[in-house]
Amino acid sequence: MPFSPVGASRELRMPSPRILQPEWMDRDDLDPALHRQALVGLARLNMVSGSAGILWSAMRGRLFADRPTTLLDVATGSGDVPRALARRAKRAGLQLSITACDRSDVALDEARRAARLDGFSSEGPVSFQCVRAEALDVHSPEGLPTGPFDIVTCSLFLHHLTDAEAVSLLAALALRTRNLLLVNDLDRGWWGHFVVRLGSFLLTRSPVVRFDGPASMGGAFTRAETRELAARAGLEGATVGWRWPCRWLLEHHTA
């Protein structure tokens, strides 16, 4: 069969099938030193890809001028993204009360340590607190905080989940959101595979990140798939748009 530039271009644009595989960061027996090294590497990748800026641009106009805006960050890791949001709120002279949750004690210890270094505590006009929570357990005391919170954010977590788990999580997050739900994750595709593989090897020496980065892109949802998940979760009116360099942002306004 003769080579067709049009056909080849179409194949490049079409994302490969989603492949969900276990990642090192999902392991309960991951060595704490490797875990902490991976958290540093992920924070660097988030900084370079502008993760906090993606969320801030969407939420800035929804922050209250006369009272603290409450924010829940789910699967926070080392808390680098919500801490960056806290710094931006502080510079803008706005009040922001952040609750960051994760299932990992290692990650939460790092988040608390970094928050102290940034000068944040559980009190003040811009506050930051960490709680342990199983994001997929929405019914037990160890599950997600019930809130509701003015804003709920979740970054780079959905790609760890099955379709059914993702739908369940989105529905649970929406129930805990008073005003705005923001979910930010990788957008699966050939460009994303290239960017993530390159970034994972250039920006960190962590073997965990170097394995999990490409694995994460393989398990990521496309924008079209995410729109379907949002519809199944009952997020009426939710939008999913592309963000640089290979991300999407789901926005759902509940008020």
C-alpha atoms as a PDB file:
ATOM      1  CA  MET A   1       0.000   0.000   0.000  1.00  0.00           C
ATOM      2  CA  PRO A   2       1.485   3.402  -0.970  1.00  0.00           C
ATOM      3  CA  PHE A   3       2.396   5.845   1.789  1.00  0.00           C
ATOM      4  CA  SER A   4      -0.238   8.502   2.408  1.00  0.00           C
ATOM      5  CA  PRO A   5       0.872  11.718   4.168  1.00  0.00           C
ATOM      6  CA  VAL A   6      -2.757  12.451   5.018  1.00  0.00           C
ATOM      7  CA  GLY A   7      -3.254   9.033   6.579  1.00  0.00           C
ATOM      8  CA  ALA A   8       0.009   9.264   8.496  1.00  0.00           C
ATOM      9  CA  SER A   9      -0.936  12.680   9.834  1.00  0.00           C
ATOM     10  CA  ARG A  10      -4.315  11.357  10.951  1.00  0.00           C
ATOM     11  CA  GLU A  11      -2.648   8.448  12.770  1.00  0.00           C
ATOM     12  CA  LEU A  12      -0.324  10.860  14.594  1.00  0.00           C
ATOM     13  CA  ARG A  13      -3.272  12.945  15.736  1.00  0.00           C
ATOM     14  CA  MET A  14      -5.241   9.941  17.000  1.00  0.00           C
ATOM     15  CA  PRO A  15      -4.412   9.009  20.606  1.00  0.00           C
ATOM     16  CA  SER A  16      -3.315   5.482  21.351  1.00  0.00           C
ATOM     17  CA  PRO A  17      -5.694   3.312  23.407  1.00  0.00           C
ATOM     18  CA  ARG A  18      -5.705   4.007  27.127  1.00  0.00           C
ATOM     19  CA  ILE A  19      -3.463   1.608  29.052  1.00  0.00           C
ATOM     20  CA  LEU A  20      -3.888   1.708  32.826  1.00  0.00           C
ATOM     21  CA  GLN A  21      -0.945   0.128  34.612  1.00  0.00           C
ATOM     22  CA  PRO A  22       0.291   0.160  38.226  1.00  0.00           C
ATOM     23  CA  GLU A  23       2.629   3.020  39.064  1.00  0.00           C
ATOM     24  CA  TRP A  24       5.355   3.061  41.682  1.00  0.00           C
ATOM     25  CA  MET A  25       3.700   5.948  43.510  1.00  0.00           C
ATOM     26  CA  ASP A  26       0.589   3.812  44.021  1.00  0.00           C
ATOM     27  CA  ARG A  27       2.525   1.244  46.042  1.00  0.00           C
ATOM     28  CA  ASP A  28       2.079   1.248  49.808  1.00  0.00           C
ATOM     29  CA  ASP A  29       5.523  -0.336  50.229  1.00  0.00           C
ATOM     30  CA  LEU A  30       7.407   2.317  48.236  1.00  0.00           C
ATOM     31  CA  ASP A  31      10.653   3.232  49.991  1.00  0.00           C
ATOM     32  CA  PRO A  32      10.117   6.605  51.750  1.00  0.00           C
ATOM     33  CA  ALA A  33      13.388   8.005  50.382  1.00  0.00           C
ATOM     34  CA  LEU A  34      12.366   7.152  46.820  1.00  0.00           C
ATOM     35  CA  HIS A  35       8.915   8.572  47.536  1.00  0.00           C
ATOM     36  CA  ARG A  36      10.309  11.894  48.745  1.00  0.00           C
ATOM     37  CA  GLN A  37      12.679  12.097  45.769  1.00  0.00           C
ATOM     38  CA  ALA A  38       9.740  11.484  43.445  1.00  0.00           C
ATOM     39  CA  LEU A  39       7.682  14.207  45.123  1.00  0.00           C
ATOM     40  CA  VAL A  40      10.497  16.685  44.504  1.00  0.00           C
ATOM     41  CA  GLY A  41      10.666  15.637  40.861  1.00  0.00           C
ATOM     42  CA  LEU A  42       6.912  15.902  40.408  1.00  0.00           C
ATOM     43  CA  ALA A  43       6.902  19.350  41.993  1.00  0.00           C
ATOM     44  CA  ARG A  44       9.555  20.446  39.503  1.00  0.00           C
ATOM     45  CA  LEU A  45       7.500  19.087  36.604  1.00  0.00           C
ATOM     46  CA  ASN A  46       4.421  20.878  37.937  1.00  0.00           C
ATOM     47  CA  MET A  47       6.354  24.132  38.192  1.00  0.00           C
ATOM     48  CA  VAL A  48       7.703  23.914  34.637  1.00  0.00           C
ATOM     49  CA  SER A  49       4.297  22.982  33.202  1.00  0.00           C
ATOM     50  CA  GLY A  50       2.530  25.774  35.108  1.00  0.00           C
ATOM     51  CA  SER A  51       0.092  23.581  37.032  1.00  0.00           C
ATOM     52  CA  ALA A  52      -0.706  26.228  39.631  1.00  0.00           C
ATOM     53  CA  GLY A  53      -1.116  28.897  36.976  1.00  0.00           C
ATOM     54  CA  ILE A  54      -3.676  26.760  35.156  1.00  0.00           C
ATOM     55  CA  LEU A  55      -5.813  26.611  38.290  1.00  0.00           C
ATOM     56  CA  TRP A  56      -5.196  30.205  39.381  1.00  0.00           C
ATOM     57  CA  SER A  57      -6.327  31.632  36.053  1.00  0.00           C
ATOM     58  CA  ALA A  58      -9.618  29.753  36.385  1.00  0.00           C
ATOM     59  CA  MET A  59     -10.263  30.503  40.072  1.00  0.00           C
ATOM     60  CA  ARG A  60      -8.889  34.029  40.538  1.00  0.00           C
ATOM     61  CA  GLY A  61     -12.178  35.704  39.696  1.00  0.00           C
ATOM     62  CA  ARG A  62     -14.082  33.415  42.072  1.00  0.00           C
ATOM     63  CA  LEU A  63     -12.183  34.383  45.233  1.00  0.00           C
ATOM     64  CA  PHE A  64     -14.107  36.456  47.752  1.00  0.00           C
ATOM     65  CA  ALA A  65     -12.886  39.925  48.662  1.00  0.00           C
ATOM     66  CA  ASP A  66     -14.603  40.120  52.050  1.00  0.00           C
ATOM     67  CA  ARG A  67     -14.040  36.652  53.529  1.00  0.00           C
ATOM     68  CA  PRO A  68     -11.741  33.647  53.183  1.00  0.00           C
ATOM     69  CA  THR A  69     -12.409  31.410  50.210  1.00  0.00           C
ATOM     70  CA  THR A  70     -12.275  27.761  51.250  1.00  0.00           C
ATOM     71  CA  LEU A  71     -10.433  25.341  48.968  1.00  0.00           C
ATOM     72  CA  LEU A  72     -10.021  21.562  49.093  1.00  0.00           C
ATOM     73  CA  ASP A  73      -7.134  20.049  47.133  1.00  0.00           C
ATOM     74  CA  VAL A  74      -7.539  16.304  46.592  1.00  0.00           C
ATOM     75  CA  ALA A  75      -4.584  13.915  46.166  1.00  0.00           C
ATOM     76  CA  THR A  76      -2.267  16.796  46.961  1.00  0.00           C
ATOM     77  CA  GLY A  77       1.041  14.898  47.033  1.00  0.00           C
ATOM     78  CA  SER A  78       3.654  17.236  48.485  1.00  0.00           C
ATOM     79  CA  GLY A  79       1.155  20.092  48.312  1.00  0.00           C
ATOM     80  CA  ASP A  80       3.268  22.044  45.824  1.00  0.00           C
ATOM     81  CA  VAL A  81       0.293  23.137  43.716  1.00  0.00           C
ATOM     82  CA  PRO A  82      -1.988  24.401  46.532  1.00  0.00           C
ATOM     83  CA  ARG A  83       1.009  26.071  48.207  1.00  0.00           C
ATOM     84  CA  ALA A  84       1.671  27.934  44.975  1.00  0.00           C
ATOM     85  CA  LEU A  85      -1.981  29.010  45.003  1.00  0.00           C
ATOM     86  CA  ALA A  86      -1.548  30.172  48.608  1.00  0.00           C
ATOM     87  CA  ARG A  87       1.467  32.286  47.649  1.00  0.00           C
ATOM     88  CA  ARG A  88      -0.466  33.902  44.811  1.00  0.00           C
ATOM     89  CA  ALA A  89      -3.405  34.670  47.088  1.00  0.00           C
ATOM     90  CA  LYS A  90      -1.060  36.199  49.656  1.00  0.00           C
ATOM     91  CA  ARG A  91       0.577  38.420  47.040  1.00  0.00           C
ATOM     92  CA  ALA A  92      -2.874  39.504  45.827  1.00  0.00           C
ATOM     93  CA  GLY A  93      -3.970  40.370  49.368  1.00  0.00           C
ATOM     94  CA  LEU A  94      -6.774  37.793  49.296  1.00  0.00           C
ATOM     95  CA  GLN A  95      -7.912  35.407  52.014  1.00  0.00           C
ATOM     96  CA  LEU A  96      -7.684  31.717  51.182  1.00  0.00           C
ATOM     97  CA  SER A  97      -8.195  28.740  53.493  1.00  0.00           C
ATOM     98  CA  ILE A  98      -6.695  25.582  51.981  1.00  0.00           C
ATOM     99  CA  THR A  99      -7.273  22.002  53.074  1.00  0.00           C
ATOM    100  CA  ALA A 100      -4.909  19.607  51.294  1.00  0.00           C
ATOM    101  CA  CYS A 101      -5.643  15.884  51.510  1.00  0.00           C
ATOM    102  CA  ASP A 102      -3.798  12.743  50.488  1.00  0.00           C
ATOM    103  CA  ARG A 103      -3.707   9.069  51.472  1.00  0.00           C
ATOM    104  CA  SER A 104       0.078   8.997  51.887  1.00  0.00           C
ATOM    105  CA  ASP A 105       1.637   9.881  55.228  1.00  0.00           C
ATOM    106  CA  VAL A 106       4.994  10.438  53.506  1.00  0.00           C
ATOM    107  CA  ALA A 107       3.428  12.956  51.122  1.00  0.00           C
ATOM    108  CA  LEU A 108       1.538  14.727  53.909  1.00  0.00           C
ATOM    109  CA  ASP A 109       4.693  15.022  56.015  1.00  0.00           C
ATOM    110  CA  GLU A 110       6.431  16.667  53.055  1.00  0.00           C
ATOM    111  CA  ALA A 111       3.447  18.956  52.464  1.00  0.00           C
ATOM    112  CA  ARG A 112       3.393  20.078  56.102  1.00  0.00           C
ATOM    113  CA  ARG A 113       7.148  20.642  56.153  1.00  0.00           C
ATOM    114  CA  ALA A 114       7.069  22.688  52.948  1.00  0.00           C
ATOM    115  CA  ALA A 115       4.088  24.722  54.179  1.00  0.00           C
ATOM    116  CA  ARG A 116       5.985  25.643  57.347  1.00  0.00           C
ATOM    117  CA  LEU A 117       8.978  26.713  55.269  1.00  0.00           C
ATOM    118  CA  ASP A 118       6.645  28.886  53.192  1.00  0.00           C
ATOM    119  CA  GLY A 119       5.341  30.472  56.391  1.00  0.00           C
ATOM    120  CA  PHE A 120       1.846  28.986  56.243  1.00  0.00           C
ATOM    121  CA  SER A 121      -0.087  27.472  59.136  1.00  0.00           C
ATOM    122  CA  SER A 122      -3.668  26.499  59.903  1.00  0.00           C
ATOM    123  CA  GLU A 123      -4.423  30.092  60.911  1.00  0.00           C
ATOM    124  CA  GLY A 124      -4.159  33.475  59.256  1.00  0.00           C
ATOM    125  CA  PRO A 125      -5.648  35.196  56.209  1.00  0.00           C
ATOM    126  CA  VAL A 126      -4.004  32.567  54.006  1.00  0.00           C
ATOM    127  CA  SER A 127      -4.078  29.249  55.851  1.00  0.00           C
ATOM    128  CA  PHE A 128      -2.904  25.764  54.920  1.00  0.00           C
ATOM    129  CA  GLN A 129      -3.720  22.496  56.637  1.00  0.00           C
ATOM    130  CA  CYS A 130      -3.212  18.857  55.676  1.00  0.00           C
ATOM    131  CA  VAL A 131      -5.514  15.923  56.379  1.00  0.00           C
ATOM    132  CA  ARG A 132      -5.227  12.245  55.560  1.00  0.00           C
ATOM    133  CA  ALA A 133      -8.023  11.022  53.317  1.00  0.00           C
ATOM    134  CA  GLU A 134      -8.775   8.176  50.942  1.00  0.00           C
ATOM    135  CA  ALA A 135     -10.051   9.994  47.872  1.00  0.00           C
ATOM    136  CA  LEU A 136     -12.044   7.012  46.622  1.00  0.00           C
ATOM    137  CA  ASP A 137     -13.641   6.308  50.001  1.00  0.00           C
ATOM    138  CA  VAL A 138     -16.464   8.834  50.131  1.00  0.00           C
ATOM    139  CA  HIS A 139     -18.492   7.298  52.944  1.00  0.00           C
ATOM    140  CA  SER A 140     -16.154   6.502  55.863  1.00  0.00           C
ATOM    141  CA  PRO A 141     -14.493   8.949  58.300  1.00  0.00           C
ATOM    142  CA  GLU A 142     -11.200   8.299  56.463  1.00  0.00           C
ATOM    143  CA  GLY A 143     -12.769   9.472  53.207  1.00  0.00           C
ATOM    144  CA  LEU A 144     -12.869  12.888  51.613  1.00  0.00           C
ATOM    145  CA  PRO A 145     -13.758  15.841  53.868  1.00  0.00           C
ATOM    146  CA  THR A 146     -17.433  16.575  53.344  1.00  0.00           C
ATOM    147  CA  GLY A 147     -17.203  20.348  53.202  1.00  0.00           C
ATOM    148  CA  PRO A 148     -18.705  21.881  51.237  1.00  0.00           C
ATOM    149  CA  PHE A 149     -15.799  24.011  50.030  1.00  0.00           C
ATOM    150  CA  ASP A 150     -16.038  27.079  47.817  1.00  0.00           C
ATOM    151  CA  ILE A 151     -13.502  25.584  45.411  1.00  0.00           C
ATOM    152  CA  VAL A 152     -12.326  21.992  44.965  1.00  0.00           C
ATOM    153  CA  THR A 153      -9.188  21.182  42.972  1.00  0.00           C
ATOM    154  CA  CYS A 154      -7.616  17.913  41.891  1.00  0.00           C
ATOM    155  CA  SER A 155      -4.448  17.678  39.807  1.00  0.00           C
ATOM    156  CA  LEU A 156      -2.826  14.675  38.136  1.00  0.00           C
ATOM    157  CA  PHE A 157      -4.892  12.051  39.923  1.00  0.00           C
ATOM    158  CA  LEU A 158      -7.661  11.016  37.550  1.00  0.00           C
ATOM    159  CA  HIS A 159      -5.270   9.079  35.299  1.00  0.00           C
ATOM    160  CA  HIS A 160      -4.659   6.597  38.151  1.00  0.00           C
ATOM    161  CA  LEU A 161      -8.302   5.501  38.077  1.00  0.00           C
ATOM    162  CA  THR A 162     -10.573   3.216  36.120  1.00  0.00           C
ATOM    163  CA  ASP A 163     -13.444   4.813  34.231  1.00  0.00           C
ATOM    164  CA  ALA A 164     -15.902   3.849  36.973  1.00  0.00           C
ATOM    165  CA  GLU A 165     -13.629   5.185  39.715  1.00  0.00           C
ATOM    166  CA  ALA A 166     -13.139   8.444  37.821  1.00  0.00           C
ATOM    167  CA  VAL A 167     -16.895   8.927  37.448  1.00  0.00           C
ATOM    168  CA  SER A 168     -17.427   8.200  41.146  1.00  0.00           C
ATOM    169  CA  LEU A 169     -14.691  10.638  42.168  1.00  0.00           C
ATOM    170  CA  LEU A 170     -15.967  13.448  39.942  1.00  0.00           C
ATOM    171  CA  ALA A 171     -19.458  13.047  41.377  1.00  0.00           C
ATOM    172  CA  ALA A 172     -18.067  13.060  44.930  1.00  0.00           C
ATOM    173  CA  LEU A 173     -15.978  16.173  44.254  1.00  0.00           C
ATOM    174  CA  ALA A 174     -18.980  17.993  42.801  1.00  0.00           C
ATOM    175  CA  LEU A 175     -20.995  17.220  45.943  1.00  0.00           C
ATOM    176  CA  ARG A 176     -18.280  18.863  48.017  1.00  0.00           C
ATOM    177  CA  THR A 177     -18.086  21.962  45.826  1.00  0.00           C
ATOM    178  CA  ARG A 178     -20.028  25.111  46.621  1.00  0.00           C
ATOM    179  CA  ASN A 179     -18.885  27.214  43.651  1.00  0.00           C
ATOM    180  CA  LEU A 180     -16.156  25.835  41.393  1.00  0.00           C
ATOM    181  CA  LEU A 181     -14.643  22.413  40.677  1.00  0.00           C
ATOM    182  CA  LEU A 182     -11.315  22.305  38.824  1.00  0.00           C
ATOM    183  CA  VAL A 183      -9.707  19.049  37.701  1.00  0.00           C
ATOM    184  CA  ASN A 184      -6.381  19.190  35.881  1.00  0.00           C
ATOM    185  CA  ASP A 185      -4.668  16.206  34.279  1.00  0.00           C
ATOM    186  CA  LEU A 186      -2.644  14.906  31.365  1.00  0.00           C
ATOM    187  CA  ASP A 187      -4.115  14.838  27.855  1.00  0.00           C
ATOM    188  CA  ARG A 188      -3.195  11.515  26.250  1.00  0.00           C
ATOM    189  CA  GLY A 189      -1.706  11.738  22.778  1.00  0.00           C
ATOM    190  CA  TRP A 190       1.541  11.456  20.843  1.00  0.00           C
ATOM    191  CA  TRP A 191       2.634  14.992  21.779  1.00  0.00           C
ATOM    192  CA  GLY A 192       1.947  14.333  25.437  1.00  0.00           C
ATOM    193  CA  HIS A 193       3.920  11.084  25.350  1.00  0.00           C
ATOM    194  CA  PHE A 194       6.882  12.956  23.875  1.00  0.00           C
ATOM    195  CA  VAL A 195       6.718  15.872  26.333  1.00  0.00           C
ATOM    196  CA  VAL A 196       6.259  13.717  29.437  1.00  0.00           C
ATOM    197  CA  ARG A 197       9.019  11.283  28.517  1.00  0.00           C
ATOM    198  CA  LEU A 198      11.412  14.147  27.759  1.00  0.00           C
ATOM    199  CA  GLY A 199      10.516  16.100  30.892  1.00  0.00           C
ATOM    200  CA  SER A 200      10.733  13.038  33.135  1.00  0.00           C
ATOM    201  CA  PHE A 201      14.309  12.431  32.050  1.00  0.00           C
ATOM    202  CA  LEU A 202      15.544  16.026  31.824  1.00  0.00           C
ATOM    203  CA  LEU A 203      14.021  17.492  34.982  1.00  0.00           C
ATOM    204  CA  THR A 204      14.537  14.732  37.543  1.00  0.00           C
ATOM    205  CA  ARG A 205      16.765  11.778  38.336  1.00  0.00           C
ATOM    206  CA  SER A 206      13.991  10.016  40.226  1.00  0.00           C
ATOM    207  CA  PRO A 207      13.565   6.455  38.891  1.00  0.00           C
ATOM    208  CA  VAL A 208       9.997   6.567  40.153  1.00  0.00           C
ATOM    209  CA  VAL A 209       9.120   9.626  38.074  1.00  0.00           C
ATOM    210  CA  ARG A 210      11.007   8.283  35.066  1.00  0.00           C
ATOM    211  CA  PHE A 211       8.806   5.180  35.110  1.00  0.00           C
ATOM    212  CA  ASP A 212       5.567   6.742  36.324  1.00  0.00           C
ATOM    213  CA  GLY A 213       5.651   9.723  33.956  1.00  0.00           C
ATOM    214  CA  PRO A 214       5.238   7.757  30.713  1.00  0.00           C
ATOM    215  CA  ALA A 215       2.937   5.289  32.505  1.00  0.00           C
ATOM    216  CA  SER A 216       0.754   8.193  33.624  1.00  0.00           C
ATOM    217  CA  MET A 217       0.421   9.489  30.082  1.00  0.00           C
ATOM    218  CA  GLY A 218      -0.530   6.008  28.901  1.00  0.00           C
ATOM    219  CA  GLY A 219      -3.321   5.912  31.477  1.00  0.00           C
ATOM    220  CA  ALA A 220      -4.458   9.493  30.967  1.00  0.00           C
ATOM    221  CA  PHE A 221      -7.856  10.418  29.586  1.00  0.00           C
ATOM    222  CA  THR A 222      -8.254  12.472  26.430  1.00  0.00           C
ATOM    223  CA  ARG A 223     -10.407  15.592  26.518  1.00  0.00           C
ATOM    224  CA  ALA A 224     -13.214  13.757  24.738  1.00  0.00           C
ATOM    225  CA  GLU A 225     -13.065  10.890  27.222  1.00  0.00           C
ATOM    226  CA  THR A 226     -13.063  13.344  30.120  1.00  0.00           C
ATOM    227  CA  ARG A 227     -16.180  15.062  28.786  1.00  0.00           C
ATOM    228  CA  GLU A 228     -17.907  11.676  28.718  1.00  0.00           C
ATOM    229  CA  LEU A 229     -16.810  10.965  32.298  1.00  0.00           C
ATOM    230  CA  ALA A 230     -18.116  14.357  33.424  1.00  0.00           C
ATOM    231  CA  ALA A 231     -21.461  13.712  31.766  1.00  0.00           C
ATOM    232  CA  ARG A 232     -21.747  10.302  33.433  1.00  0.00           C
ATOM    233  CA  ALA A 233     -20.918  11.939  36.780  1.00  0.00           C
ATOM    234  CA  GLY A 234     -23.755  14.434  36.347  1.00  0.00           C
ATOM    235  CA  LEU A 235     -21.526  17.486  35.933  1.00  0.00           C
ATOM    236  CA  GLU A 236     -23.957  19.396  33.748  1.00  0.00           C
ATOM    237  CA  GLY A 237     -22.336  22.262  31.878  1.00  0.00           C
ATOM    238  CA  ALA A 238     -18.775  21.157  32.647  1.00  0.00           C
ATOM    239  CA  THR A 239     -16.149  22.240  30.126  1.00  0.00           C
ATOM    240  CA  VAL A 240     -12.871  20.523  29.292  1.00  0.00           C
ATOM    241  CA  GLY A 241     -10.235  22.611  27.535  1.00  0.00           C
ATOM    242  CA  TRP A 242      -6.623  22.070  26.475  1.00  0.00           C
ATOM    243  CA  ARG A 243      -3.826  23.631  28.513  1.00  0.00           C
ATOM    244  CA  TRP A 244      -0.108  23.911  27.742  1.00  0.00           C
ATOM    245  CA  PRO A 245       1.930  21.797  27.347  1.00  0.00           C
ATOM    246  CA  CYS A 246      -0.124  18.573  27.365  1.00  0.00           C
ATOM    247  CA  ARG A 247      -2.857  19.059  29.946  1.00  0.00           C
ATOM    248  CA  TRP A 248      -6.599  19.577  30.068  1.00  0.00           C
ATOM    249  CA  LEU A 249      -8.649  21.486  32.613  1.00  0.00           C
ATOM    250  CA  LEU A 250     -12.163  20.475  33.591  1.00  0.00           C
ATOM    251  CA  GLU A 251     -14.220  23.369  34.956  1.00  0.00           C
ATOM    252  CA  HIS A 252     -17.588  22.879  36.588  1.00  0.00           C
ATOM    253  CA  HIS A 253     -19.415  25.875  38.024  1.00  0.00           C
ATOM    254  CA  THR A 254     -21.901  24.801  40.662  1.00  0.00           C
ATOM    255  CA  ALA A 255     -23.082  28.322  41.538  1.00  0.00           C
END
